[in-house]
PDB file of N, CA and C in Angstrom:
ATOM      1  N   MET A   1       0.768  -1.212  -0.222  1.00  0.00           N
ATOM      2  CA  MET A   1      -0.387   0.020  -0.098  1.00  0.00           C
ATOM      3  C   MET A   1       0.799   1.359   0.099  1.00  0.00           C
ATOM      4  N   ALA A   2       1.814   1.160   0.609  1.00  0.00           N
ATOM      5  CA  ALA A   2       3.088   2.527   0.535  1.00  0.00           C
ATOM      6  C   ALA A   2       3.047   3.065  -0.738  1.00  0.00           C
ATOM      7  N   LEU A   3       4.125   1.744  -1.109  1.00  0.00           N
ATOM      8  CA  LEU A   3       4.285   2.017  -2.518  1.00  0.00           C
ATOM      9  C   LEU A   3       3.536   2.425  -3.569  1.00  0.00           C
ATOM     10  N   LYS A   4       2.219   1.934  -3.514  1.00  0.00           N
ATOM     11  CA  LYS A   4       0.834   2.441  -4.395  1.00  0.00           C
ATOM     12  C   LYS A   4       0.778   3.876  -4.282  1.00  0.00           C
ATOM     13  N   ASP A   5       1.501   4.454  -2.585  1.00  0.00           N
ATOM     14  CA  ASP A   5       0.732   5.784  -2.114  1.00  0.00           C
ATOM     15  C   ASP A   5       2.148   6.582  -3.046  1.00  0.00           C
ATOM     16  N   ARG A   6       3.181   6.123  -2.943  1.00  0.00           N
ATOM     17  CA  ARG A   6       4.413   6.688  -3.116  1.00  0.00           C
ATOM     18  C   ARG A   6       4.537   7.369  -4.813  1.00  0.00           C
ATOM     19  N   LEU A   7       3.583   6.284  -5.743  1.00  0.00           N
ATOM     20  CA  LEU A   7       3.714   6.336  -7.068  1.00  0.00           C
ATOM     21  C   LEU A   7       2.571   7.287  -7.203  1.00  0.00           C
ATOM     22  N   ALA A   8       1.594   7.216  -6.250  1.00  0.00           N
ATOM     23  CA  ALA A   8       0.669   8.073  -7.296  1.00  0.00           C
ATOM     24  C   ALA A   8       1.088   9.783  -6.589  1.00  0.00           C
ATOM     25  N   ALA A   9       1.889   9.612  -5.760  1.00  0.00           N
ATOM     26  CA  ALA A   9       2.681  11.118  -5.251  1.00  0.00           C
ATOM     27  C   ALA A   9       3.398  11.412  -6.442  1.00  0.00           C
ATOM     28  N   LEU A  10       4.594  10.716  -6.734  1.00  0.00           N
ATOM     29  CA  LEU A  10       5.236  10.629  -7.657  1.00  0.00           C
ATOM     30  C   LEU A  10       4.656  11.379  -9.086  1.00  0.00           C
ATOM     31  N   ALA A  11       3.887  10.285  -9.054  1.00  0.00           N
ATOM     32  CA  ALA A  11       3.237  10.821 -10.584  1.00  0.00           C
ATOM     33  C   ALA A  11       1.910  12.215 -10.599  1.00  0.00           C
ATOM     34  N   LEU A  12       1.579  12.505  -9.582  1.00  0.00           N
ATOM     35  CA  LEU A  12       0.711  13.788  -8.937  1.00  0.00           C
ATOM     36  C   LEU A  12       1.983  14.919  -9.242  1.00  0.00           C
ATOM     37  N   ALA A  13       3.676  14.711  -8.119  1.00  0.00           N
ATOM     38  CA  ALA A  13       4.275  15.426  -8.463  1.00  0.00           C
ATOM     39  C   ALA A  13       4.884  15.816 -10.047  1.00  0.00           C
ATOM     40  N   ASP A  14       4.816  14.552 -10.662  1.00  0.00           N
ATOM     41  CA  ASP A  14       5.462  14.323 -12.015  1.00  0.00           C
ATOM     42  C   ASP A  14       4.367  15.683 -13.085  1.00  0.00           C
ATOM     43  N   GLN A  15       3.524  15.252 -12.699  1.00  0.00           N
ATOM     44  CA  GLN A  15       2.164  16.197 -13.744  1.00  0.00           C
ATOM     45  C   GLN A  15       2.497  17.351 -12.844  1.00  0.00           C
ATOM     46  N   ALA A  16       2.675  17.998 -11.549  1.00  0.00           N
ATOM     47  CA  ALA A  16       2.635  19.676 -11.652  1.00  0.00           C
ATOM     48  C   ALA A  16       3.722  20.194 -11.835  1.00  0.00           C
ATOM     49  N   ILE A  17       5.335  19.207 -12.133  1.00  0.00           N
ATOM     50  CA  ILE A  17       5.977  19.894 -13.098  1.00  0.00           C
ATOM     51  C   ILE A  17       6.194  20.105 -14.394  1.00  0.00           C
ATOM     52  N   GLU A  18       5.029  19.202 -15.127  1.00  0.00           N
ATOM     53  CA  GLU A  18       4.976  19.444 -16.597  1.00  0.00           C
ATOM     54  C   GLU A  18       4.393  20.350 -16.823  1.00  0.00           C
ATOM     55  N   ILE A  19       3.275  20.970 -15.877  1.00  0.00           N
ATOM     56  CA  ILE A  19       2.075  21.967 -15.921  1.00  0.00           C
ATOM     57  C   ILE A  19       2.809  23.301 -15.691  1.00  0.00           C
ATOM     58  N   ARG A  20       3.578  22.857 -14.859  1.00  0.00           N
ATOM     59  CA  ARG A  20       4.747  24.239 -14.840  1.00  0.00           C
ATOM     60  C   ARG A  20       6.250  24.767 -15.680  1.00  0.00           C
ATOM     61  N   LEU A  21       6.331  23.478 -16.273  1.00  0.00           N
ATOM     62  CA  LEU A  21       7.300  23.387 -17.512  1.00  0.00           C
ATOM     63  C   LEU A  21       6.464  24.186 -18.491  1.00  0.00           C
ATOM     64  N   ALA A  22       5.222  23.835 -18.783  1.00  0.00           N
ATOM     65  CA  ALA A  22       4.346  24.228 -19.703  1.00  0.00           C
ATOM     66  C   ALA A  22       4.214  25.810 -19.652  1.00  0.00           C
ATOM     67  N   LYS A  23       4.078  25.935 -18.455  1.00  0.00           N
ATOM     68  CA  LYS A  23       4.015  28.030 -18.287  1.00  0.00           C
ATOM     69  C   LYS A  23       4.825  28.498 -18.032  1.00  0.00           C
ATOM     70  N   LEU A  24       5.765  27.729 -17.775  1.00  0.00           N
ATOM     71  CA  LEU A  24       7.994  28.626 -17.784  1.00  0.00           C
ATOM     72  C   LEU A  24       7.745  28.934 -19.633  1.00  0.00           C
ATOM     73  N   ALA A  25       7.747  27.686 -20.157  1.00  0.00           N
ATOM     74  CA  ALA A  25       7.833  28.175 -21.205  1.00  0.00           C
ATOM     75  C   ALA A  25       6.837  28.577 -22.168  1.00  0.00           C
ATOM     76  N   GLU A  26       5.408  29.035 -21.691  1.00  0.00           N
ATOM     77  CA  GLU A  26       4.611  30.095 -22.462  1.00  0.00           C
ATOM     78  C   GLU A  26       4.979  31.230 -22.059  1.00  0.00           C
ATOM     79  N   ALA A  27       5.887  31.452 -20.655  1.00  0.00           N
ATOM     80  CA  ALA A  27       6.243  32.612 -20.411  1.00  0.00           C
ATOM     81  C   ALA A  27       7.352  33.466 -21.151  1.00  0.00           C
ATOM     82  N   GLU A  28       8.175  32.065 -21.091  1.00  0.00           N
ATOM     83  CA  GLU A  28       9.400  32.527 -22.193  1.00  0.00           C
ATOM     84  C   GLU A  28       9.435  33.292 -23.246  1.00  0.00           C
ATOM     85  N   ALA A  29       8.630  32.231 -23.929  1.00  0.00           N
ATOM     86  CA  ALA A  29       7.936  32.785 -25.550  1.00  0.00           C
ATOM     87  C   ALA A  29       7.232  33.999 -25.734  1.00  0.00           C
ATOM     88  N   SER A  30       6.453  34.265 -24.529  1.00  0.00           N
ATOM     89  CA  SER A  30       6.049  35.966 -24.540  1.00  0.00           C
ATOM     90  C   SER A  30       7.065  36.626 -23.998  1.00  0.00           C
ATOM     91  N   LEU A  31       8.051  36.504 -23.324  1.00  0.00           N
ATOM     92  CA  LEU A  31       8.913  37.439 -22.830  1.00  0.00           C
ATOM     93  C   LEU A  31       9.850  37.820 -24.338  1.00  0.00           C
ATOM     94  N   ASN A  32       9.927  36.387 -25.088  1.00  0.00           N
ATOM     95  CA  ASN A  32      10.749  36.988 -26.307  1.00  0.00           C
ATOM     96  C   ASN A  32      10.097  37.603 -27.003  1.00  0.00           C
ATOM     97  N   GLU A  33       9.043  37.482 -27.157  1.00  0.00           N
ATOM     98  CA  GLU A  33       8.532  38.285 -28.252  1.00  0.00           C
ATOM     99  C   GLU A  33       8.511  39.909 -27.862  1.00  0.00           C
ATOM    100  N   THR A  34       8.050  39.543 -26.550  1.00  0.00           N
ATOM    101  CA  THR A  34       7.951  41.485 -26.397  1.00  0.00           C
ATOM    102  C   THR A  34       9.337  41.655 -26.354  1.00  0.00           C
ATOM    103  N   LEU A  35      10.673  40.881 -26.268  1.00  0.00           N
ATOM    104  CA  LEU A  35      11.962  41.626 -26.326  1.00  0.00           C
ATOM    105  C   LEU A  35      12.086  41.651 -27.443  1.00  0.00           C
ATOM    106  N   ALA A  36      11.624  41.164 -28.469  1.00  0.00           N
ATOM    107  CA  ALA A  36      11.632  41.536 -30.317  1.00  0.00           C
ATOM    108  C   ALA A  36      10.867  42.556 -30.512  1.00  0.00           C
ATOM    109  N   ARG A  37      10.115  42.876 -30.167  1.00  0.00           N
ATOM    110  CA  ARG A  37       9.399  43.678 -30.432  1.00  0.00           C
ATOM    111  C   ARG A  37       9.694  44.796 -30.215  1.00  0.00           C
ATOM    112  N   ALA A  38      10.520  45.196 -29.010  1.00  0.00           N
ATOM    113  CA  ALA A  38      11.140  46.245 -28.024  1.00  0.00           C
ATOM    114  C   ALA A  38      12.652  46.375 -28.727  1.00  0.00           C
ATOM    115  N   ASP A  39      13.206  45.505 -29.500  1.00  0.00           N
ATOM    116  CA  ASP A  39      15.026  45.504 -30.082  1.00  0.00           C
ATOM    117  C   ASP A  39      14.146  45.950 -31.611  1.00  0.00           C
ATOM    118  N   GLY A  40      13.200  45.636 -32.283  1.00  0.00           N
ATOM    119  CA  GLY A  40      12.349  46.547 -33.416  1.00  0.00           C
ATOM    120  C   GLY A  40      12.190  47.802 -33.223  1.00  0.00           C
ATOM    121  N   ALA A  41      11.336  48.025 -32.536  1.00  0.00           N
ATOM    122  CA  ALA A  41      11.080  49.494 -31.992  1.00  0.00           C
ATOM    123  C   ALA A  41      12.606  50.344 -31.945  1.00  0.00           C
ATOM    124  N   ALA A  42      13.531  50.005 -30.849  1.00  0.00           N
ATOM    125  CA  ALA A  42      14.594  50.573 -31.002  1.00  0.00           C
ATOM    126  C   ALA A  42      15.231  50.974 -32.256  1.00  0.00           C
ATOM    127  N   GLU A  43      15.396  49.770 -32.740  1.00  0.00           N
ATOM    128  CA  GLU A  43      16.254  49.751 -34.150  1.00  0.00           C
ATOM    129  C   GLU A  43      15.540  50.753 -35.298  1.00  0.00           C
ATOM    130  N   ALA A  44      14.497  50.819 -35.079  1.00  0.00           N
ATOM    131  CA  ALA A  44      13.365  51.859 -36.399  1.00  0.00           C
ATOM    132  C   ALA A  44      13.846  53.111 -35.874  1.00  0.00           C
ATOM    133  N   ASP A  45      13.953  53.729 -34.355  1.00  0.00           N
ATOM    134  CA  ASP A  45      14.396  54.791 -33.678  1.00  0.00           C
ATOM    135  C   ASP A  45      15.524  54.971 -34.174  1.00  0.00           C
ATOM    136  N   LEU A  46      16.724  54.569 -33.787  1.00  0.00           N
ATOM    137  CA  LEU A  46      17.558  54.699 -34.740  1.00  0.00           C
ATOM    138  C   LEU A  46      17.921  54.774 -35.721  1.00  0.00           C
ATOM    139  N   THR A  47      16.977  54.233 -36.956  1.00  0.00           N
ATOM    140  CA  THR A  47      17.141  54.265 -38.205  1.00  0.00           C
ATOM    141  C   THR A  47      17.210  55.466 -38.433  1.00  0.00           C
ATOM    142  N   ARG A  48      15.524  55.921 -37.873  1.00  0.00           N
ATOM    143  CA  ARG A  48      15.392  57.318 -37.827  1.00  0.00           C
ATOM    144  C   ARG A  48      15.993  58.412 -38.039  1.00  0.00           C
ATOM    145  N   LEU A  49      16.598  58.118 -36.733  1.00  0.00           N
ATOM    146  CA  LEU A  49      17.115  59.354 -36.516  1.00  0.00           C
ATOM    147  C   LEU A  49      18.430  59.494 -36.983  1.00  0.00           C
ATOM    148  N   THR A  50      19.238  58.131 -37.337  1.00  0.00           N
ATOM    149  CA  THR A  50      20.199  58.257 -38.587  1.00  0.00           C
ATOM    150  C   THR A  50      19.989  59.210 -39.394  1.00  0.00           C
ATOM    151  N   GLU A  51      19.149  58.727 -40.262  1.00  0.00           N
ATOM    152  CA  GLU A  51      18.327  59.331 -41.560  1.00  0.00           C
ATOM    153  C   GLU A  51      18.045  60.607 -41.302  1.00  0.00           C
ATOM    154  N   VAL A  52      17.441  61.279 -40.147  1.00  0.00           N
ATOM    155  CA  VAL A  52      17.483  62.640 -39.643  1.00  0.00           C
ATOM    156  C   VAL A  52      18.797  63.349 -39.526  1.00  0.00           C
ATOM    157  N   TYR A  53      19.620  62.871 -39.433  1.00  0.00           N
ATOM    158  CA  TYR A  53      21.505  63.430 -38.983  1.00  0.00           C
ATOM    159  C   TYR A  53      21.639  63.786 -40.268  1.00  0.00           C
ATOM    160  N   GLN A  54      21.476  62.335 -41.045  1.00  0.00           N
ATOM    161  CA  GLN A  54      22.367  62.581 -42.745  1.00  0.00           C
ATOM    162  C   GLN A  54      21.442  63.446 -43.593  1.00  0.00           C
ATOM    163  N   THR A  55      20.083  63.990 -43.240  1.00  0.00           N
ATOM    164  CA  THR A  55      19.793  64.806 -44.231  1.00  0.00           C
ATOM    165  C   THR A  55      19.888  66.366 -43.611  1.00  0.00           C
ATOM    166  N   MET A  56      20.385  66.240 -42.211  1.00  0.00           N
ATOM    167  CA  MET A  56      20.261  67.430 -41.821  1.00  0.00           C
ATOM    168  C   MET A  56      22.156  68.614 -43.116  1.00  0.00           C
ATOM    169  N   LYS A  57      22.022  69.656 -42.948  1.00  0.00           N
ATOM    170  CA  LYS A  57      23.155  70.444 -43.218  1.00  0.00           C
ATOM    171  C   LYS A  57      24.157  70.100 -42.909  1.00  0.00           C
ATOM    172  N   PRO A  58      25.210  69.647 -43.046  1.00  0.00           N
ATOM    173  CA  PRO A  58      26.668  68.882 -42.751  1.00  0.00           C
ATOM    174  C   PRO A  58      26.996  69.817 -41.260  1.00  0.00           C
ATOM    175  N   LYS A  59      27.015  71.439 -41.883  1.00  0.00           N
ATOM    176  CA  LYS A  59      27.523  71.910 -40.616  1.00  0.00           C
ATOM    177  C   LYS A  59      26.884  72.400 -39.338  1.00  0.00           C
ATOM    178  N   ASP A  60      25.451  71.986 -40.235  1.00  0.00           N
ATOM    179  CA  ASP A  60      24.383  72.196 -38.644  1.00  0.00           C
ATOM    180  C   ASP A  60      24.782  70.191 -37.472  1.00  0.00           C
ATOM    181  N   ALA A  61      24.609  69.149 -38.655  1.00  0.00           N
ATOM    182  CA  ALA A  61      24.739  68.005 -37.825  1.00  0.00           C
ATOM    183  C   ALA A  61      26.399  68.366 -37.021  1.00  0.00           C
ATOM    184  N   ALA A  62      27.517  68.866 -38.068  1.00  0.00           N
ATOM    185  CA  ALA A  62      28.693  68.596 -37.269  1.00  0.00           C
ATOM    186  C   ALA A  62      28.556  69.547 -35.660  1.00  0.00           C
ATOM    187  N   ALA A  63      27.869  70.470 -36.033  1.00  0.00           N
ATOM    188  CA  ALA A  63      27.900  71.527 -34.464  1.00  0.00           C
ATOM    189  C   ALA A  63      26.753  70.408 -33.405  1.00  0.00           C
ATOM    190  N   LEU A  64      26.207  69.771 -33.659  1.00  0.00           N
ATOM    191  CA  LEU A  64      25.255  68.534 -32.737  1.00  0.00           C
ATOM    192  C   LEU A  64      26.150  67.661 -32.521  1.00  0.00           C
ATOM    193  N   PHE A  65      26.736  66.971 -33.219  1.00  0.00           N
ATOM    194  CA  PHE A  65      27.822  66.133 -32.784  1.00  0.00           C
ATOM    195  C   PHE A  65      29.087  66.318 -32.116  1.00  0.00           C
ATOM    196  N   SER A  66      29.189  67.428 -31.999  1.00  0.00           N
ATOM    197  CA  SER A  66      30.521  67.758 -31.523  1.00  0.00           C
ATOM    198  C   SER A  66      29.947  68.020 -30.065  1.00  0.00           C
ATOM    199  N   THR A  67      28.635  67.853 -29.732  1.00  0.00           N
ATOM    200  CA  THR A  67      28.440  68.026 -28.200  1.00  0.00           C
ATOM    201  C   THR A  67      28.120  66.971 -27.674  1.00  0.00           C
ATOM    202  N   MET A  68      28.011  66.064 -28.817  1.00  0.00           N
ATOM    203  CA  MET A  68      27.922  64.614 -28.308  1.00  0.00           C
ATOM    204  C   MET A  68      29.060  63.867 -27.585  1.00  0.00           C
ATOM    205  N   ALA A  69      28.507  62.815 -26.857  1.00  0.00           N
ATOM    206  CA  ALA A  69      29.563  62.061 -26.443  1.00  0.00           C
ATOM    207  C   ALA A  69      30.284  61.219 -27.718  1.00  0.00           C
ATOM    208  N   PRO A  70      31.817  61.216 -27.822  1.00  0.00           N
ATOM    209  CA  PRO A  70      32.100  60.459 -28.820  1.00  0.00           C
ATOM    210  C   PRO A  70      31.787  59.427 -29.420  1.00  0.00           C
ATOM    211  N   GLU A  71      31.227  58.535 -27.911  1.00  0.00           N
ATOM    212  CA  GLU A  71      30.864  57.050 -27.875  1.00  0.00           C
ATOM    213  C   GLU A  71      29.402  57.238 -28.670  1.00  0.00           C
ATOM    214  N   PHE A  72      28.476  58.275 -28.400  1.00  0.00           N
ATOM    215  CA  PHE A  72      26.955  58.434 -28.963  1.00  0.00           C
ATOM    216  C   PHE A  72      27.125  58.529 -30.577  1.00  0.00           C
ATOM    217  N   ALA A  73      27.823  60.157 -30.768  1.00  0.00           N
ATOM    218  CA  ALA A  73      28.097  60.515 -31.632  1.00  0.00           C
ATOM    219  C   ALA A  73      28.528  58.949 -32.924  1.00  0.00           C
ATOM    220  N   SER A  74      29.827  58.307 -32.201  1.00  0.00           N
ATOM    221  CA  SER A  74      29.930  57.414 -33.632  1.00  0.00           C
ATOM    222  C   SER A  74      29.244  55.919 -33.438  1.00  0.00           C
ATOM    223  N   GLY A  75      28.196  56.068 -32.573  1.00  0.00           N
ATOM    224  CA  GLY A  75      27.598  55.209 -33.090  1.00  0.00           C
ATOM    225  C   GLY A  75      26.083  55.277 -34.379  1.00  0.00           C
ATOM    226  N   PHE A  76      26.068  56.802 -34.431  1.00  0.00           N
ATOM    227  CA  PHE A  76      24.878  57.424 -35.124  1.00  0.00           C
ATOM    228  C   PHE A  76      25.910  57.222 -36.952  1.00  0.00           C
ATOM    229  N   LEU A  77      27.370  57.859 -36.345  1.00  0.00           N
ATOM    230  CA  LEU A  77      28.046  58.069 -37.750  1.00  0.00           C
ATOM    231  C   LEU A  77      28.425  56.750 -38.426  1.00  0.00           C
ATOM    232  N   GLY A  78      28.485  55.658 -37.908  1.00  0.00           N
ATOM    233  CA  GLY A  78      28.619  54.266 -38.080  1.00  0.00           C
ATOM    234  C   GLY A  78      27.812  53.991 -39.324  1.00  0.00           C
ATOM    235  N   ARG A  79      26.886  54.326 -38.385  1.00  0.00           N
ATOM    236  CA  ARG A  79      25.317  53.506 -39.375  1.00  0.00           C
ATOM    237  C   ARG A  79      25.049  54.347 -40.655  1.00  0.00           C
ATOM    238  N   MET A  80      25.453  55.526 -40.785  1.00  0.00           N
ATOM    239  CA  MET A  80      25.242  56.438 -41.574  1.00  0.00           C
ATOM    240  C   MET A  80      26.088  56.348 -43.198  1.00  0.00           C
ATOM    241  N   ARG A  81      25.649  56.608 -44.401  1.00  0.00           N
ATOM    242  CA  ARG A  81      26.401  56.320 -45.287  1.00  0.00           C
ATOM    243  C   ARG A  81      28.022  57.288 -45.136  1.00  0.00           C
ATOM    244  N   PRO A  82      29.129  56.482 -46.084  1.00  0.00           N
ATOM    245  CA  PRO A  82      30.086  57.372 -46.227  1.00  0.00           C
ATOM    246  C   PRO A  82      30.345  58.808 -46.141  1.00  0.00           C
ATOM    247  N   ASP A  83      30.045  59.176 -46.937  1.00  0.00           N
ATOM    248  CA  ASP A  83      29.370  60.770 -47.730  1.00  0.00           C
ATOM    249  C   ASP A  83      29.277  61.208 -47.051  1.00  0.00           C
ATOM    250  N   SER A  84      27.838  61.167 -45.922  1.00  0.00           N
ATOM    251  CA  SER A  84      27.395  62.008 -45.139  1.00  0.00           C
ATOM    252  C   SER A  84      28.582  62.255 -44.065  1.00  0.00           C
ATOM    253  N   ALA A  85      28.634  60.802 -43.018  1.00  0.00           N
ATOM    254  CA  ALA A  85      29.462  60.719 -42.129  1.00  0.00           C
ATOM    255  C   ALA A  85      30.877  61.718 -42.565  1.00  0.00           C
ATOM    256  N   ALA A  86      31.317  61.434 -43.724  1.00  0.00           N
ATOM    257  CA  ALA A  86      32.745  62.525 -43.725  1.00  0.00           C
ATOM    258  C   ALA A  86      32.081  63.902 -43.757  1.00  0.00           C
ATOM    259  N   ALA A  87      31.156  64.387 -44.399  1.00  0.00           N
ATOM    260  CA  ALA A  87      30.913  65.886 -44.194  1.00  0.00           C
ATOM    261  C   ALA A  87      30.382  66.352 -42.923  1.00  0.00           C
ATOM    262  N   ILE A  88      30.170  65.689 -41.805  1.00  0.00           N
ATOM    263  CA  ILE A  88      29.829  65.739 -40.798  1.00  0.00           C
ATOM    264  C   ILE A  88      31.311  65.769 -40.033  1.00  0.00           C
ATOM    265  N   LEU A  89      32.092  64.703 -40.300  1.00  0.00           N
ATOM    266  CA  LEU A  89      33.307  64.611 -39.230  1.00  0.00           C
ATOM    267  C   LEU A  89      34.127  65.752 -39.418  1.00  0.00           C
ATOM    268  N   SER A  90      34.218  66.166 -40.867  1.00  0.00           N
ATOM    269  CA  SER A  90      35.102  67.693 -41.482  1.00  0.00           C
ATOM    270  C   SER A  90      34.261  68.909 -40.518  1.00  0.00           C
ATOM    271  N   GLY A  91      33.185  69.087 -40.438  1.00  0.00           N
ATOM    272  CA  GLY A  91      32.706  70.371 -40.085  1.00  0.00           C
ATOM    273  C   GLY A  91      33.388  70.195 -38.530  1.00  0.00           C
ATOM    274  N   MET A  92      33.319  69.141 -37.684  1.00  0.00           N
ATOM    275  CA  MET A  92      33.931  68.961 -36.772  1.00  0.00           C
ATOM    276  C   MET A  92      35.260  69.526 -36.038  1.00  0.00           C
ATOM    277  N   THR A  93      35.437  70.126 -34.504  1.00  0.00           N
ATOM    278  CA  THR A  93      36.134  69.925 -34.297  1.00  0.00           C
ATOM    279  C   THR A  93      37.480  69.557 -34.378  1.00  0.00           C
ATOM    280  N   PRO A  94      38.762  69.421 -35.007  1.00  0.00           N
ATOM    281  CA  PRO A  94      39.605  67.729 -34.883  1.00  0.00           C
ATOM    282  C   PRO A  94      39.504  66.891 -33.768  1.00  0.00           C
ATOM    283  N   GLU A  95      39.729  67.426 -32.722  1.00  0.00           N
ATOM    284  CA  GLU A  95      39.241  66.772 -31.142  1.00  0.00           C
ATOM    285  C   GLU A  95      38.555  65.565 -31.458  1.00  0.00           C
ATOM    286  N   SER A  96      37.296  66.093 -31.276  1.00  0.00           N
ATOM    287  CA  SER A  96      35.897  65.797 -31.362  1.00  0.00           C
ATOM    288  C   SER A  96      35.995  64.675 -32.666  1.00  0.00           C
ATOM    289  N   ALA A  97      36.254  64.783 -33.497  1.00  0.00           N
ATOM    290  CA  ALA A  97      36.605  63.922 -35.091  1.00  0.00           C
ATOM    291  C   ALA A  97      37.587  62.979 -34.849  1.00  0.00           C
ATOM    292  N   TYR A  98      38.886  63.228 -34.320  1.00  0.00           N
ATOM    293  CA  TYR A  98      39.314  62.230 -34.208  1.00  0.00           C
ATOM    294  C   TYR A  98      39.154  61.274 -32.641  1.00  0.00           C
ATOM    295  N   ALA A  99      38.267  61.693 -31.816  1.00  0.00           N
ATOM    296  CA  ALA A  99      37.401  61.004 -30.636  1.00  0.00           C
ATOM    297  C   ALA A  99      36.502  59.727 -31.470  1.00  0.00           C
ATOM    298  N   VAL A 100      35.929  60.465 -32.290  1.00  0.00           N
ATOM    299  CA  VAL A 100      35.167  59.608 -32.866  1.00  0.00           C
ATOM    300  C   VAL A 100      35.603  58.716 -34.325  1.00  0.00           C
ATOM    301  N   SER A 101      36.643  59.091 -34.779  1.00  0.00           N
ATOM    302  CA  SER A 101      37.457  58.151 -35.576  1.00  0.00           C
ATOM    303  C   SER A 101      38.191  57.249 -35.025  1.00  0.00           C
ATOM    304  N   ALA A 102      38.435  57.152 -33.429  1.00  0.00           N
ATOM    305  CA  ALA A 102      39.359  56.074 -33.093  1.00  0.00           C
ATOM    306  C   ALA A 102      38.006  55.272 -32.782  1.00  0.00           C
ATOM    307  N   LEU A 103      36.887  55.857 -31.953  1.00  0.00           N
ATOM    308  CA  LEU A 103      36.223  54.837 -31.754  1.00  0.00           C
ATOM    309  C   LEU A 103      35.180  54.045 -33.121  1.00  0.00           C
ATOM    310  N   LEU A 104      35.557  54.460 -33.869  1.00  0.00           N
ATOM    311  CA  LEU A 104      34.753  54.100 -35.127  1.00  0.00           C
ATOM    312  C   LEU A 104      35.566  52.899 -35.251  1.00  0.00           C
ATOM    313  N   ALA A 105      36.807  53.459 -35.892  1.00  0.00           N
ATOM    314  CA  ALA A 105      37.727  52.131 -36.109  1.00  0.00           C
ATOM    315  C   ALA A 105      38.301  51.102 -34.713  1.00  0.00           C
ATOM    316  N   GLY A 106      37.588  51.579 -34.019  1.00  0.00           N
ATOM    317  CA  GLY A 106      38.245  50.294 -32.871  1.00  0.00           C
ATOM    318  C   GLY A 106      36.699  49.134 -32.626  1.00  0.00           C
ATOM    319  N   ARG A 107      35.844  49.760 -32.885  1.00  0.00           N
ATOM    320  CA  ARG A 107      34.561  49.103 -32.619  1.00  0.00           C
ATOM    321  C   ARG A 107      34.508  47.755 -32.793  1.00  0.00           C
ATOM    322  N   ASN A 108      35.262  47.047 -33.629  1.00  0.00           N
ATOM    323  CA  ASN A 108      35.047  45.646 -34.131  1.00  0.00           C
ATOM    324  C   ASN A 108      36.871  45.199 -33.706  1.00  0.00           C
ATOM    325  N   ALA A 109      36.943  45.758 -32.836  1.00  0.00           N
ATOM    326  CA  ALA A 109      38.733  45.064 -32.748  1.00  0.00           C
ATOM    327  C   ALA A 109      38.583  43.974 -32.096  1.00  0.00           C
ATOM    328  N   ASN A 110      37.367  43.811 -30.684  1.00  0.00           N
ATOM    329  CA  ASN A 110      37.544  42.352 -30.095  1.00  0.00           C
ATOM    330  C   ASN A 110      36.904  41.254 -30.933  1.00  0.00           C
ATOM    331  N   VAL A 111      36.569  41.662 -31.927  1.00  0.00           N
ATOM    332  CA  VAL A 111      35.358  40.771 -32.635  1.00  0.00           C
ATOM    333  C   VAL A 111      36.196  39.707 -32.902  1.00  0.00           C
ATOM    334  N   PRO A 112      36.150  38.082 -32.790  1.00  0.00           N
ATOM    335  CA  PRO A 112      36.989  36.931 -33.073  1.00  0.00           C
ATOM    336  C   PRO A 112      37.205  36.605 -34.514  1.00  0.00           C
ATOM    337  N   LYS A 113      38.239  36.341 -34.837  1.00  0.00           N
ATOM    338  CA  LYS A 113      38.868  36.434 -36.339  1.00  0.00           C
ATOM    339  C   LYS A 113      38.726  35.038 -35.814  1.00  0.00           C
ATOM    340  N   ASN A 114      38.283  33.955 -37.069  1.00  0.00           N
ATOM    341  CA  ASN A 114      38.349  32.841 -37.324  1.00  0.00           C
ATOM    342  C   ASN A 114      39.174  32.022 -35.921  1.00  0.00           C
TER     343      ASN A 114
END
């Protein structure tokens, strides 16, 4: 009788675990969907802002980029067409342009190579 009770208790515990695992899988899928939407929205925002900066007059964009932290500015300049980025960099102070250029040049330095 004790063996039957133990087997029944194990079966109930196994059933509860399976239900919890299914709920956890559902929650994970929902979280992944939410994260994907958030990533997509953030990427769309960055793309739009990059386009705005690219369409600005280079002199005005350079003045704006000169006030940005180099890490922030390099993120946008790295996404731009080279001609747009060059026009903006050429209008920045040499110090700011150098700082941004150094970050752009080194941003993939730690990527594994074969």
